Amino acid sequence: MRLPSLAATAALAILVGAALTGCSTTVNLEPAEGAEDPACAEVTVRLPGSVADQPRLWTDAQATGAWGAQTSSVLLRCGVTPPGPTEAKCITLGGVDWVVDESQAPRYLVTTYGRVPAVEVFIDNETVSPNDVLSALGVAVSAGTTSERACTLTETLVPED
């Protein structure tokens, strides 16, 4: 497994910043390259109306989701490049293996491991519990994507700050 590139992480951070500063009720996101995959539509239609007590927000991009009260606390994109081999932490929540990028803690970028298409979730741990978020989203992700591989070593919890 490998972590998303620093450029990809920085780009996502910029997207999050743009989403957080807008006055609109629509969250502006960039779709992932593989957003047109029919499996992403399967994920999207199964996304819950709330995650970790945060209501779902409208997004303006295909195969995306967002949740938050005053700001976007959780952002999801389906169809991202799947992670390859890595030494990064891998956790299992909601029946899904997730690779955790902790480089911007307490904000985490987590990406499904071994699933096609891959799904990434940006979580603001200052607002929501990553454990609650990934457990809630696991249902939609596991129903819409195909598991092809699993992490060899997993943890069951994301550290709470």
N, C-alpha and C. Protein backbone atom coordinates (compact mmCIF):
# COMPACT_ATOMS: atom_id res chain seq x y z
N MET A 1 0.83 -1.17 0.00
CA MET A 1 0.00 0.00 0.00
C MET A 1 0.88 1.23 0.00
N ARG A 2 0.41 2.32 -0.64
CA ARG A 2 1.14 3.58 -0.59
C ARG A 2 0.14 4.68 -0.29
N LEU A 3 0.64 5.70 0.35
CA LEU A 3 -0.19 6.84 0.68
C LEU A 3 -0.43 7.70 -0.55
N PRO A 4 -1.54 8.47 -0.54
CA PRO A 4 -1.74 9.41 -1.63
C PRO A 4 -0.56 10.38 -1.66
N SER A 5 -0.25 10.88 -2.84
CA SER A 5 0.87 11.80 -2.97
C SER A 5 0.62 13.06 -2.17
N LEU A 6 1.70 13.72 -1.82
CA LEU A 6 1.59 14.98 -1.08
C LEU A 6 0.79 15.98 -1.89
N ALA A 7 0.98 15.97 -3.21
CA ALA A 7 0.23 16.89 -4.07
C ALA A 7 -1.26 16.60 -4.00
N ALA A 8 -1.63 15.31 -4.00
CA ALA A 8 -3.05 14.95 -3.91
C ALA A 8 -3.63 15.37 -2.57
N THR A 9 -2.86 15.17 -1.52
CA THR A 9 -3.31 15.56 -0.19
C THR A 9 -3.46 17.08 -0.11
N ALA A 10 -2.50 17.80 -0.66
CA ALA A 10 -2.57 19.26 -0.65
C ALA A 10 -3.78 19.73 -1.46
N ALA A 11 -4.02 19.10 -2.59
CA ALA A 11 -5.17 19.47 -3.42
C ALA A 11 -6.47 19.24 -2.68
N LEU A 12 -6.55 18.12 -1.96
CA LEU A 12 -7.76 17.85 -1.19
C LEU A 12 -7.92 18.88 -0.08
N ALA A 13 -6.82 19.25 0.56
CA ALA A 13 -6.88 20.26 1.61
C ALA A 13 -7.40 21.59 1.06
N ILE A 14 -6.99 21.93 -0.14
CA ILE A 14 -7.48 23.16 -0.78
C ILE A 14 -8.97 23.04 -1.04
N LEU A 15 -9.39 21.86 -1.51
CA LEU A 15 -10.81 21.66 -1.76
C LEU A 15 -11.62 21.78 -0.47
N VAL A 16 -11.09 21.20 0.59
CA VAL A 16 -11.76 21.29 1.88
C VAL A 16 -11.84 22.75 2.32
N GLY A 17 -10.75 23.49 2.17
CA GLY A 17 -10.76 24.89 2.53
C GLY A 17 -11.81 25.67 1.75
N ALA A 18 -11.91 25.38 0.47
CA ALA A 18 -12.92 26.04 -0.35
C ALA A 18 -14.31 25.66 0.11
N ALA A 19 -14.49 24.39 0.46
CA ALA A 19 -15.80 23.94 0.91
C ALA A 19 -16.17 24.58 2.25
N LEU A 20 -15.19 24.80 3.10
CA LEU A 20 -15.46 25.34 4.43
C LEU A 20 -15.74 26.83 4.41
N THR A 21 -15.23 27.55 3.43
CA THR A 21 -15.37 29.00 3.44
C THR A 21 -16.60 29.50 2.70
N GLY A 22 -17.22 28.69 1.90
CA GLY A 22 -18.37 29.14 1.12
C GLY A 22 -19.59 29.39 1.98
N CYS A 23 -20.43 30.31 1.55
CA CYS A 23 -21.67 30.60 2.27
C CYS A 23 -22.80 29.73 1.75
N SER A 24 -22.60 29.11 0.65
CA SER A 24 -23.62 28.31 0.01
C SER A 24 -23.87 27.02 0.78
N THR A 25 -25.06 26.46 0.59
CA THR A 25 -25.37 25.18 1.19
C THR A 25 -24.85 24.04 0.31
N THR A 26 -24.31 24.35 -0.84
CA THR A 26 -23.71 23.35 -1.72
C THR A 26 -22.21 23.34 -1.52
N VAL A 27 -21.66 22.15 -1.30
CA VAL A 27 -20.22 21.99 -1.11
C VAL A 27 -19.58 21.78 -2.47
N ASN A 28 -18.58 22.61 -2.78
CA ASN A 28 -17.88 22.52 -4.05
C ASN A 28 -16.75 21.51 -3.93
N LEU A 29 -16.80 20.45 -4.72
CA LEU A 29 -15.77 19.42 -4.73
C LEU A 29 -15.38 19.09 -6.16
N GLU A 30 -14.19 18.57 -6.33
CA GLU A 30 -13.74 18.06 -7.63
C GLU A 30 -14.03 16.56 -7.66
N PRO A 31 -14.65 16.06 -8.72
CA PRO A 31 -14.86 14.61 -8.78
C PRO A 31 -13.53 13.90 -8.99
N ALA A 32 -13.46 12.67 -8.52
CA ALA A 32 -12.28 11.85 -8.75
C ALA A 32 -12.24 11.43 -10.22
N GLU A 33 -11.05 11.03 -10.68
CA GLU A 33 -10.91 10.63 -12.08
C GLU A 33 -11.85 9.50 -12.47
N GLY A 34 -12.11 8.58 -11.54
CA GLY A 34 -12.98 7.44 -11.84
C GLY A 34 -14.40 7.61 -11.35
N ALA A 35 -14.84 8.84 -11.14
CA ALA A 35 -16.17 9.10 -10.60
C ALA A 35 -17.30 8.55 -11.47
N GLU A 36 -17.04 8.37 -12.75
CA GLU A 36 -18.09 7.88 -13.65
C GLU A 36 -18.30 6.38 -13.56
N ASP A 37 -17.49 5.68 -12.78
CA ASP A 37 -17.65 4.23 -12.60
C ASP A 37 -19.05 3.95 -12.05
N PRO A 38 -19.81 3.03 -12.67
CA PRO A 38 -21.16 2.72 -12.17
C PRO A 38 -21.17 2.29 -10.70
N ALA A 39 -20.10 1.70 -10.22
CA ALA A 39 -20.04 1.30 -8.81
C ALA A 39 -20.06 2.53 -7.90
N CYS A 40 -19.51 3.65 -8.37
CA CYS A 40 -19.56 4.88 -7.58
C CYS A 40 -21.00 5.37 -7.43
N ALA A 41 -21.80 5.18 -8.46
CA ALA A 41 -23.22 5.53 -8.35
C ALA A 41 -23.89 4.65 -7.29
N GLU A 42 -23.48 3.38 -7.23
CA GLU A 42 -24.02 2.47 -6.21
C GLU A 42 -23.64 2.94 -4.81
N VAL A 43 -22.43 3.42 -4.66
CA VAL A 43 -22.00 3.95 -3.36
C VAL A 43 -22.81 5.20 -3.04
N THR A 44 -22.89 6.11 -3.98
CA THR A 44 -23.53 7.41 -3.75
C THR A 44 -24.99 7.28 -3.34
N VAL A 45 -25.74 6.39 -3.98
CA VAL A 45 -27.17 6.27 -3.65
C VAL A 45 -27.38 5.65 -2.27
N ARG A 46 -26.35 5.01 -1.73
CA ARG A 46 -26.45 4.39 -0.42
C ARG A 46 -25.89 5.26 0.72
N LEU A 47 -25.37 6.42 0.40
CA LEU A 47 -24.80 7.28 1.44
C LEU A 47 -25.88 7.71 2.42
N PRO A 48 -25.56 7.68 3.71
CA PRO A 48 -26.57 8.02 4.73
C PRO A 48 -26.89 9.50 4.79
N GLY A 49 -28.06 9.81 5.32
CA GLY A 49 -28.51 11.19 5.48
C GLY A 49 -27.76 11.94 6.56
N SER A 50 -27.17 11.19 7.49
CA SER A 50 -26.33 11.82 8.51
C SER A 50 -25.20 10.86 8.86
N VAL A 51 -24.08 11.44 9.27
CA VAL A 51 -22.90 10.69 9.68
C VAL A 51 -22.38 11.34 10.96
N ALA A 52 -22.21 10.56 12.00
CA ALA A 52 -21.69 11.07 13.28
C ALA A 52 -22.46 12.32 13.72
N ASP A 53 -23.78 12.24 13.61
CA ASP A 53 -24.68 13.34 13.99
C ASP A 53 -24.52 14.59 13.14
N GLN A 54 -23.88 14.47 11.98
CA GLN A 54 -23.72 15.59 11.05
C GLN A 54 -24.66 15.37 9.86
N PRO A 55 -25.48 16.36 9.49
CA PRO A 55 -26.40 16.19 8.37
C PRO A 55 -25.67 16.19 7.03
N ARG A 56 -26.26 15.49 6.08
CA ARG A 56 -25.68 15.46 4.73
C ARG A 56 -25.90 16.80 4.05
N LEU A 57 -24.89 17.23 3.29
CA LEU A 57 -24.94 18.48 2.54
C LEU A 57 -24.94 18.17 1.05
N TRP A 58 -25.47 19.08 0.26
CA TRP A 58 -25.42 18.92 -1.19
C TRP A 58 -23.99 19.12 -1.68
N THR A 59 -23.60 18.38 -2.71
CA THR A 59 -22.32 18.59 -3.36
C THR A 59 -22.58 18.85 -4.83
N ASP A 60 -21.60 19.44 -5.50
CA ASP A 60 -21.78 19.78 -6.91
C ASP A 60 -20.94 18.90 -7.85
N ALA A 61 -20.48 17.75 -7.36
CA ALA A 61 -19.64 16.88 -8.18
C ALA A 61 -20.15 15.45 -8.10
N GLN A 62 -20.00 14.76 -9.20
CA GLN A 62 -20.42 13.36 -9.30
C GLN A 62 -19.65 12.49 -8.31
N ALA A 63 -20.36 11.53 -7.71
CA ALA A 63 -19.78 10.51 -6.83
C ALA A 63 -19.07 11.11 -5.62
N THR A 64 -19.71 12.12 -5.02
CA THR A 64 -19.17 12.76 -3.82
C THR A 64 -20.24 12.83 -2.74
N GLY A 65 -19.79 13.07 -1.53
CA GLY A 65 -20.71 13.27 -0.42
C GLY A 65 -20.06 14.20 0.59
N ALA A 66 -20.88 14.90 1.37
CA ALA A 66 -20.37 15.81 2.40
C ALA A 66 -21.37 15.84 3.55
N TRP A 67 -20.82 15.98 4.75
CA TRP A 67 -21.64 16.06 5.95
C TRP A 67 -21.06 17.11 6.87
N GLY A 68 -21.95 17.84 7.56
CA GLY A 68 -21.49 18.83 8.52
C GLY A 68 -22.62 19.72 8.95
N ALA A 69 -22.45 20.38 10.08
CA ALA A 69 -23.47 21.29 10.58
C ALA A 69 -23.15 22.71 10.11
N GLN A 70 -22.14 23.33 10.68
CA GLN A 70 -21.74 24.68 10.28
C GLN A 70 -20.73 24.65 9.13
N THR A 71 -19.91 23.61 9.09
CA THR A 71 -18.90 23.44 8.05
C THR A 71 -18.89 21.98 7.62
N SER A 72 -18.16 21.67 6.57
CA SER A 72 -18.04 20.29 6.10
C SER A 72 -17.04 19.56 6.98
N SER A 73 -17.54 18.65 7.78
CA SER A 73 -16.69 17.87 8.66
C SER A 73 -16.20 16.59 8.00
N VAL A 74 -16.96 16.12 7.01
CA VAL A 74 -16.66 14.87 6.32
C VAL A 74 -16.88 15.08 4.83
N LEU A 75 -15.87 14.72 4.03
CA LEU A 75 -15.98 14.79 2.57
C LEU A 75 -15.64 13.42 2.00
N LEU A 76 -16.39 12.97 1.01
CA LEU A 76 -16.17 11.67 0.39
C LEU A 76 -16.08 11.82 -1.12
N ARG A 77 -15.14 11.09 -1.73
CA ARG A 77 -15.03 11.03 -3.19
C ARG A 77 -14.84 9.57 -3.58
N CYS A 78 -15.61 9.11 -4.53
CA CYS A 78 -15.49 7.76 -5.06
C CYS A 78 -14.80 7.81 -6.41
N GLY A 79 -13.97 6.79 -6.68
CA GLY A 79 -13.29 6.72 -7.97
C GLY A 79 -11.87 7.24 -7.93
N VAL A 80 -11.29 7.35 -6.74
CA VAL A 80 -9.91 7.81 -6.61
C VAL A 80 -8.95 6.68 -6.95
N THR A 81 -7.68 7.03 -7.15
CA THR A 81 -6.64 6.03 -7.42
C THR A 81 -6.47 5.16 -6.18
N PRO A 82 -6.57 3.83 -6.34
CA PRO A 82 -6.41 2.96 -5.17
C PRO A 82 -4.99 3.00 -4.63
N PRO A 83 -4.86 2.95 -3.31
CA PRO A 83 -3.52 2.93 -2.74
C PRO A 83 -2.82 1.60 -3.03
N GLY A 84 -1.53 1.67 -3.21
CA GLY A 84 -0.72 0.47 -3.39
C GLY A 84 -0.09 0.10 -2.07
N PRO A 85 0.90 -0.76 -2.09
CA PRO A 85 1.57 -1.17 -0.85
C PRO A 85 2.12 0.03 -0.08
N THR A 86 1.98 -0.02 1.24
CA THR A 86 2.45 1.06 2.10
C THR A 86 2.70 0.53 3.51
N GLU A 87 3.42 1.31 4.25
CA GLU A 87 3.64 0.99 5.67
C GLU A 87 2.65 1.75 6.54
N ALA A 88 1.75 2.50 5.91
CA ALA A 88 0.78 3.30 6.66
C ALA A 88 -0.17 2.39 7.44
N LYS A 89 -0.78 3.00 8.45
CA LYS A 89 -1.75 2.28 9.27
C LYS A 89 -2.93 1.85 8.41
N CYS A 90 -3.38 0.63 8.61
CA CYS A 90 -4.58 0.13 7.96
C CYS A 90 -5.54 -0.31 9.05
N ILE A 91 -6.77 0.18 8.97
CA ILE A 91 -7.78 -0.16 9.97
C ILE A 91 -8.96 -0.82 9.28
N THR A 92 -9.74 -1.56 10.03
CA THR A 92 -10.97 -2.15 9.51
C THR A 92 -12.13 -1.61 10.33
N LEU A 93 -13.02 -0.90 9.66
CA LEU A 93 -14.23 -0.37 10.29
C LEU A 93 -15.37 -0.47 9.29
N GLY A 94 -16.54 -0.82 9.76
CA GLY A 94 -17.70 -0.93 8.88
C GLY A 94 -17.52 -2.02 7.83
N GLY A 95 -16.67 -3.01 8.13
CA GLY A 95 -16.44 -4.11 7.19
C GLY A 95 -15.54 -3.74 6.03
N VAL A 96 -14.86 -2.61 6.14
CA VAL A 96 -14.01 -2.11 5.05
C VAL A 96 -12.61 -1.85 5.60
N ASP A 97 -11.58 -2.19 4.81
CA ASP A 97 -10.20 -1.83 5.16
C ASP A 97 -9.93 -0.42 4.67
N TRP A 98 -9.34 0.39 5.54
CA TRP A 98 -9.04 1.79 5.23
C TRP A 98 -7.57 2.07 5.52
N VAL A 99 -6.88 2.74 4.62
CA VAL A 99 -5.51 3.22 4.84
C VAL A 99 -5.63 4.64 5.37
N VAL A 100 -4.94 4.91 6.47
CA VAL A 100 -5.06 6.19 7.16
C VAL A 100 -3.82 7.05 6.92
N ASP A 101 -4.02 8.24 6.38
CA ASP A 101 -2.96 9.23 6.25
C ASP A 101 -3.13 10.19 7.43
N GLU A 102 -2.19 10.12 8.37
CA GLU A 102 -2.24 10.93 9.58
C GLU A 102 -1.39 12.18 9.49
N SER A 103 -0.87 12.50 8.30
CA SER A 103 0.09 13.59 8.16
C SER A 103 -0.50 14.97 8.46
N GLN A 104 -1.83 15.10 8.43
CA GLN A 104 -2.46 16.39 8.73
C GLN A 104 -3.33 16.32 9.98
N ALA A 105 -3.02 15.38 10.89
CA ALA A 105 -3.81 15.19 12.11
C ALA A 105 -3.97 16.53 12.82
N PRO A 106 -5.15 16.82 13.31
CA PRO A 106 -6.28 15.95 13.56
C PRO A 106 -7.26 15.82 12.39
N ARG A 107 -6.82 16.12 11.22
CA ARG A 107 -7.63 15.87 10.02
C ARG A 107 -7.01 14.67 9.31
N TYR A 108 -7.85 13.71 8.97
CA TYR A 108 -7.37 12.46 8.40
C TYR A 108 -7.92 12.26 7.00
N LEU A 109 -7.07 11.77 6.11
CA LEU A 109 -7.49 11.34 4.79
C LEU A 109 -7.41 9.82 4.82
N VAL A 110 -8.53 9.16 4.67
CA VAL A 110 -8.56 7.70 4.68
C VAL A 110 -9.06 7.22 3.33
N THR A 111 -8.46 6.15 2.85
CA THR A 111 -8.79 5.61 1.53
C THR A 111 -9.01 4.12 1.65
N THR A 112 -10.03 3.63 0.97
CA THR A 112 -10.28 2.19 1.02
C THR A 112 -9.08 1.44 0.47
N TYR A 113 -8.82 0.28 1.04
CA TYR A 113 -7.74 -0.57 0.54
C TYR A 113 -8.35 -1.85 -0.01
N GLY A 114 -7.93 -2.21 -1.22
CA GLY A 114 -8.36 -3.46 -1.83
C GLY A 114 -9.75 -3.42 -2.41
N ARG A 115 -10.34 -2.25 -2.56
CA ARG A 115 -11.70 -2.13 -3.11
C ARG A 115 -11.67 -1.41 -4.45
N VAL A 116 -12.56 -1.85 -5.32
CA VAL A 116 -12.68 -1.25 -6.66
C VAL A 116 -14.12 -0.82 -6.84
N PRO A 117 -14.31 0.46 -7.14
CA PRO A 117 -13.35 1.56 -7.16
C PRO A 117 -12.99 1.97 -5.73
N ALA A 118 -11.90 2.71 -5.62
CA ALA A 118 -11.45 3.19 -4.31
C ALA A 118 -12.25 4.43 -3.91
N VAL A 119 -12.42 4.57 -2.61
CA VAL A 119 -13.16 5.69 -2.03
C VAL A 119 -12.26 6.37 -1.01
N GLU A 120 -12.21 7.70 -1.03
CA GLU A 120 -11.46 8.42 -0.02
C GLU A 120 -12.41 9.29 0.79
N VAL A 121 -12.07 9.43 2.07
CA VAL A 121 -12.88 10.22 2.99
C VAL A 121 -11.94 11.14 3.77
N PHE A 122 -12.25 12.43 3.76
CA PHE A 122 -11.51 13.41 4.55
C PHE A 122 -12.34 13.67 5.79
N ILE A 123 -11.72 13.49 6.97
CA ILE A 123 -12.45 13.59 8.24
C ILE A 123 -11.78 14.63 9.13
N ASP A 124 -12.57 15.57 9.62
CA ASP A 124 -12.08 16.56 10.57
C ASP A 124 -12.35 16.02 11.97
N ASN A 125 -11.31 15.49 12.60
CA ASN A 125 -11.44 14.86 13.91
C ASN A 125 -11.69 15.88 15.02
N GLU A 126 -11.59 17.17 14.74
CA GLU A 126 -11.94 18.18 15.73
C GLU A 126 -13.46 18.31 15.85
N THR A 127 -14.18 17.79 14.86
CA THR A 127 -15.63 17.91 14.84
C THR A 127 -16.33 16.55 15.01
N VAL A 128 -15.78 15.50 14.40
CA VAL A 128 -16.43 14.19 14.41
C VAL A 128 -15.43 13.09 14.75
N SER A 129 -15.95 11.97 15.16
CA SER A 129 -15.14 10.80 15.45
C SER A 129 -14.89 10.02 14.15
N PRO A 130 -13.63 9.82 13.77
CA PRO A 130 -13.35 9.01 12.58
C PRO A 130 -13.95 7.61 12.68
N ASN A 131 -13.97 7.04 13.87
CA ASN A 131 -14.55 5.72 14.04
C ASN A 131 -16.03 5.71 13.67
N ASP A 132 -16.77 6.71 14.14
CA ASP A 132 -18.20 6.80 13.83
C ASP A 132 -18.42 7.03 12.34
N VAL A 133 -17.60 7.89 11.75
CA VAL A 133 -17.74 8.20 10.32
C VAL A 133 -17.52 6.96 9.47
N LEU A 134 -16.39 6.28 9.68
CA LEU A 134 -16.06 5.13 8.84
C LEU A 134 -17.01 3.97 9.07
N SER A 135 -17.48 3.80 10.29
CA SER A 135 -18.46 2.75 10.56
C SER A 135 -19.76 3.03 9.80
N ALA A 136 -20.19 4.29 9.79
CA ALA A 136 -21.42 4.66 9.09
C ALA A 136 -21.28 4.55 7.58
N LEU A 137 -20.14 4.95 7.05
CA LEU A 137 -19.94 4.93 5.60
C LEU A 137 -19.61 3.54 5.07
N GLY A 138 -19.15 2.65 5.94
CA GLY A 138 -18.78 1.30 5.52
C GLY A 138 -19.90 0.54 4.84
N VAL A 139 -21.14 0.77 5.25
CA VAL A 139 -22.28 0.08 4.66
C VAL A 139 -22.40 0.44 3.17
N ALA A 140 -22.37 1.72 2.87
CA ALA A 140 -22.49 2.17 1.47
C ALA A 140 -21.30 1.72 0.65
N VAL A 141 -20.10 1.85 1.22
CA VAL A 141 -18.88 1.49 0.49
C VAL A 141 -18.83 -0.01 0.21
N SER A 142 -19.14 -0.82 1.20
CA SER A 142 -19.06 -2.28 0.99
C SER A 142 -20.15 -2.77 0.05
N ALA A 143 -21.31 -2.11 0.04
CA ALA A 143 -22.38 -2.52 -0.86
C ALA A 143 -22.12 -2.10 -2.31
N GLY A 144 -21.41 -0.99 -2.49
CA GLY A 144 -21.21 -0.46 -3.84
C GLY A 144 -19.91 -0.85 -4.51
N THR A 145 -18.92 -1.28 -3.74
CA THR A 145 -17.61 -1.60 -4.31
C THR A 145 -17.32 -3.09 -4.16
N THR A 146 -16.32 -3.54 -4.89
CA THR A 146 -15.92 -4.94 -4.84
C THR A 146 -14.60 -5.06 -4.09
N SER A 147 -14.55 -5.99 -3.15
CA SER A 147 -13.33 -6.23 -2.40
C SER A 147 -12.45 -7.22 -3.16
N GLU A 148 -11.23 -6.79 -3.48
CA GLU A 148 -10.29 -7.64 -4.22
C GLU A 148 -9.09 -8.05 -3.37
N ARG A 149 -8.77 -7.25 -2.34
CA ARG A 149 -7.64 -7.52 -1.46
C ARG A 149 -7.99 -7.04 -0.06
N ALA A 150 -7.19 -7.47 0.90
CA ALA A 150 -7.37 -7.01 2.28
C ALA A 150 -6.02 -6.65 2.86
N CYS A 151 -6.03 -5.79 3.85
CA CYS A 151 -4.80 -5.46 4.56
C CYS A 151 -4.32 -6.70 5.30
N THR A 152 -3.01 -6.85 5.39
CA THR A 152 -2.47 -8.00 6.10
C THR A 152 -2.49 -7.79 7.60
N LEU A 153 -2.27 -6.57 8.05
CA LEU A 153 -2.35 -6.22 9.47
C LEU A 153 -3.26 -5.02 9.59
N THR A 154 -4.26 -5.14 10.45
CA THR A 154 -5.17 -4.01 10.63
C THR A 154 -5.33 -3.69 12.11
N GLU A 155 -5.72 -2.45 12.34
CA GLU A 155 -6.13 -2.01 13.67
C GLU A 155 -7.61 -1.79 13.61
N THR A 156 -8.26 -1.74 14.72
CA THR A 156 -9.70 -1.59 14.70
C THR A 156 -10.19 -0.18 15.01
N LEU A 157 -9.31 0.68 15.50
CA LEU A 157 -9.75 2.03 15.86
C LEU A 157 -8.79 3.08 15.35
N VAL A 158 -9.35 4.24 15.02
CA VAL A 158 -8.55 5.42 14.69
C VAL A 158 -8.36 6.17 16.00
N PRO A 159 -7.16 6.66 16.31
CA PRO A 159 -6.96 7.38 17.57
C PRO A 159 -7.87 8.60 17.66
N GLU A 160 -8.44 8.81 18.82
CA GLU A 160 -9.27 9.99 19.06
C GLU A 160 -8.39 11.06 19.67
N ASP A 161 -8.51 12.28 19.19
CA ASP A 161 -7.75 13.40 19.79
C ASP A 161 -8.58 14.09 20.82
